[in-house]
Amino acid sequence: MRWMVNPHVAWADDNDAVAVATVPDTQVYRLESSGVLIWDALAQHPNATTREVIRSVASAAEVPADRIRDDVSDYLQHLRTLGIVIARE
């Protein structure tokens, strides 16, 4: 699976959190903590594979990728359900 930020969202990063708004219905979501690390990985590496996102988050959090694999995968699916990221096979 390859992931990217939905081009129909607006977002702002304040270093502690990321505010993401869907357009045009303007649902606003606040991503914090590990959500920021996942978002940063997606924003910096469009079309990243799930594995690449996991590696990027693991590196930023200084934890083994195996330890966070399931949590990152689940969170990516959650962001997809919200419509703020797109997944392509």
C-alpha atoms as a PDB file:
ATOM      1  CA  MET A   1       0.000   0.000   0.000  1.00  0.00           C
ATOM      2  CA  ARG A   2       1.240   3.506  -0.818  1.00  0.00           C
ATOM      3  CA  TRP A   3       0.094   6.499   1.195  1.00  0.00           C
ATOM      4  CA  MET A   4      -0.241  10.207   0.567  1.00  0.00           C
ATOM      5  CA  VAL A   5      -1.890  13.236   2.117  1.00  0.00           C
ATOM      6  CA  ASN A   6      -5.265  13.842   0.487  1.00  0.00           C
ATOM      7  CA  PRO A   7      -4.852  16.875  -1.791  1.00  0.00           C
ATOM      8  CA  HIS A   8      -8.289  18.070  -0.626  1.00  0.00           C
ATOM      9  CA  VAL A   9      -7.186  18.858   2.919  1.00  0.00           C
ATOM     10  CA  ALA A  10      -5.595  21.922   4.417  1.00  0.00           C
ATOM     11  CA  TRP A  11      -3.208  21.513   7.303  1.00  0.00           C
ATOM     12  CA  ALA A  12      -0.977  23.457   9.662  1.00  0.00           C
ATOM     13  CA  ASP A  13       1.838  22.167  11.830  1.00  0.00           C
ATOM     14  CA  ASP A  14       2.729  23.913  15.090  1.00  0.00           C
ATOM     15  CA  ASN A  15       5.445  21.400  16.199  1.00  0.00           C
ATOM     16  CA  ASP A  16       3.255  20.012  19.013  1.00  0.00           C
ATOM     17  CA  ALA A  17       0.289  19.045  16.858  1.00  0.00           C
ATOM     18  CA  VAL A  18      -1.048  19.106  13.328  1.00  0.00           C
ATOM     19  CA  ALA A  19      -4.460  20.551  12.518  1.00  0.00           C
ATOM     20  CA  VAL A  20      -6.010  18.985   9.420  1.00  0.00           C
ATOM     21  CA  ALA A  21      -9.207  20.298   7.812  1.00  0.00           C
ATOM     22  CA  THR A  22     -11.139  18.550   5.099  1.00  0.00           C
ATOM     23  CA  VAL A  23     -12.276  20.678   2.189  1.00  0.00           C
ATOM     24  CA  PRO A  24     -15.014  21.708   1.467  1.00  0.00           C
ATOM     25  CA  ASP A  25     -16.878  20.318   4.518  1.00  0.00           C
ATOM     26  CA  THR A  26     -14.232  21.628   6.974  1.00  0.00           C
ATOM     27  CA  GLN A  27     -14.093  18.806   9.455  1.00  0.00           C
ATOM     28  CA  VAL A  28     -11.075  19.669  11.597  1.00  0.00           C
ATOM     29  CA  TYR A  29      -8.881  16.996  13.171  1.00  0.00           C
ATOM     30  CA  ARG A  30      -6.017  17.521  15.604  1.00  0.00           C
ATOM     31  CA  LEU A  31      -3.170  15.042  15.401  1.00  0.00           C
ATOM     32  CA  GLU A  32      -0.831  14.844  18.374  1.00  0.00           C
ATOM     33  CA  SER A  33       2.114  12.789  19.586  1.00  0.00           C
ATOM     34  CA  SER A  34       2.709   9.787  17.319  1.00  0.00           C
ATOM     35  CA  GLY A  35       0.030  11.132  14.958  1.00  0.00           C
ATOM     36  CA  VAL A  36       2.360  14.057  14.215  1.00  0.00           C
ATOM     37  CA  LEU A  37       5.220  11.670  13.432  1.00  0.00           C
ATOM     38  CA  ILE A  38       3.019   9.689  11.058  1.00  0.00           C
ATOM     39  CA  TRP A  39       1.718  12.855   9.400  1.00  0.00           C
ATOM     40  CA  ASP A  40       5.246  14.214   8.993  1.00  0.00           C
ATOM     41  CA  ALA A  41       6.325  10.965   7.342  1.00  0.00           C
ATOM     42  CA  LEU A  42       3.421  11.226   4.883  1.00  0.00           C
ATOM     43  CA  ALA A  43       3.992  14.922   4.195  1.00  0.00           C
ATOM     44  CA  GLN A  44       7.723  14.463   3.623  1.00  0.00           C
ATOM     45  CA  HIS A  45       7.445  11.275   1.564  1.00  0.00           C
ATOM     46  CA  PRO A  46       4.386  11.293  -0.719  1.00  0.00           C
ATOM     47  CA  ASN A  47       3.540   7.832  -2.063  1.00  0.00           C
ATOM     48  CA  ALA A  48       5.510   6.160   0.726  1.00  0.00           C
ATOM     49  CA  THR A  49       4.810   2.509   1.312  1.00  0.00           C
ATOM     50  CA  THR A  50       3.470   1.363   4.648  1.00  0.00           C
ATOM     51  CA  ARG A  51       6.909  -0.035   5.435  1.00  0.00           C
ATOM     52  CA  GLU A  52       8.575   3.309   4.610  1.00  0.00           C
ATOM     53  CA  VAL A  53       6.157   5.195   6.861  1.00  0.00           C
ATOM     54  CA  ILE A  54       6.832   2.734   9.684  1.00  0.00           C
ATOM     55  CA  ARG A  55      10.591   3.096   9.249  1.00  0.00           C
ATOM     56  CA  SER A  56      10.358   6.891   9.209  1.00  0.00           C
ATOM     57  CA  VAL A  57       8.247   6.972  12.374  1.00  0.00           C
ATOM     58  CA  ALA A  58      10.497   4.428  14.104  1.00  0.00           C
ATOM     59  CA  SER A  59      13.541   6.514  13.269  1.00  0.00           C
ATOM     60  CA  ALA A  60      11.948   9.749  14.489  1.00  0.00           C
ATOM     61  CA  ALA A  61      10.711   8.094  17.694  1.00  0.00           C
ATOM     62  CA  GLU A  62      13.939   6.153  18.162  1.00  0.00           C
ATOM     63  CA  VAL A  63      12.134   2.836  18.635  1.00  0.00           C
ATOM     64  CA  PRO A  64      12.363  -0.467  16.748  1.00  0.00           C
ATOM     65  CA  ALA A  65      10.065  -0.648  13.718  1.00  0.00           C
ATOM     66  CA  ASP A  66       8.719  -4.031  14.822  1.00  0.00           C
ATOM     67  CA  ARG A  67       7.481  -2.477  18.044  1.00  0.00           C
ATOM     68  CA  ILE A  68       5.273   0.116  16.306  1.00  0.00           C
ATOM     69  CA  ARG A  69       4.354  -1.662  13.059  1.00  0.00           C
ATOM     70  CA  ASP A  70       0.775  -2.572  14.020  1.00  0.00           C
ATOM     71  CA  ASP A  71       0.025   0.780  15.673  1.00  0.00           C
ATOM     72  CA  VAL A  72       1.258   2.776  12.668  1.00  0.00           C
ATOM     73  CA  SER A  73      -0.640   0.542  10.236  1.00  0.00           C
ATOM     74  CA  ASP A  74      -3.832   0.919  12.290  1.00  0.00           C
ATOM     75  CA  TYR A  75      -3.421   4.693  12.495  1.00  0.00           C
ATOM     76  CA  LEU A  76      -2.894   4.955   8.730  1.00  0.00           C
ATOM     77  CA  GLN A  77      -6.162   3.096   8.216  1.00  0.00           C
ATOM     78  CA  HIS A  78      -7.854   5.450  10.695  1.00  0.00           C
ATOM     79  CA  LEU A  79      -6.585   8.503   8.773  1.00  0.00           C
ATOM     80  CA  ARG A  80      -7.839   6.885   5.569  1.00  0.00           C
ATOM     81  CA  THR A  81     -11.289   6.383   7.118  1.00  0.00           C
ATOM     82  CA  LEU A  82     -11.351  10.080   8.050  1.00  0.00           C
ATOM     83  CA  GLY A  83     -10.563  10.931   4.418  1.00  0.00           C
ATOM     84  CA  ILE A  84      -7.389  12.869   5.158  1.00  0.00           C
ATOM     85  CA  VAL A  85      -5.002  10.410   3.539  1.00  0.00           C
ATOM     86  CA  ILE A  86      -5.264   8.315   0.403  1.00  0.00           C
ATOM     87  CA  ALA A  87      -4.018   4.756   0.030  1.00  0.00           C
ATOM     88  CA  ARG A  88      -3.148   3.168  -3.295  1.00  0.00           C
ATOM     89  CA  GLU A  89      -2.197  -0.415  -3.967  1.00  0.00           C
END
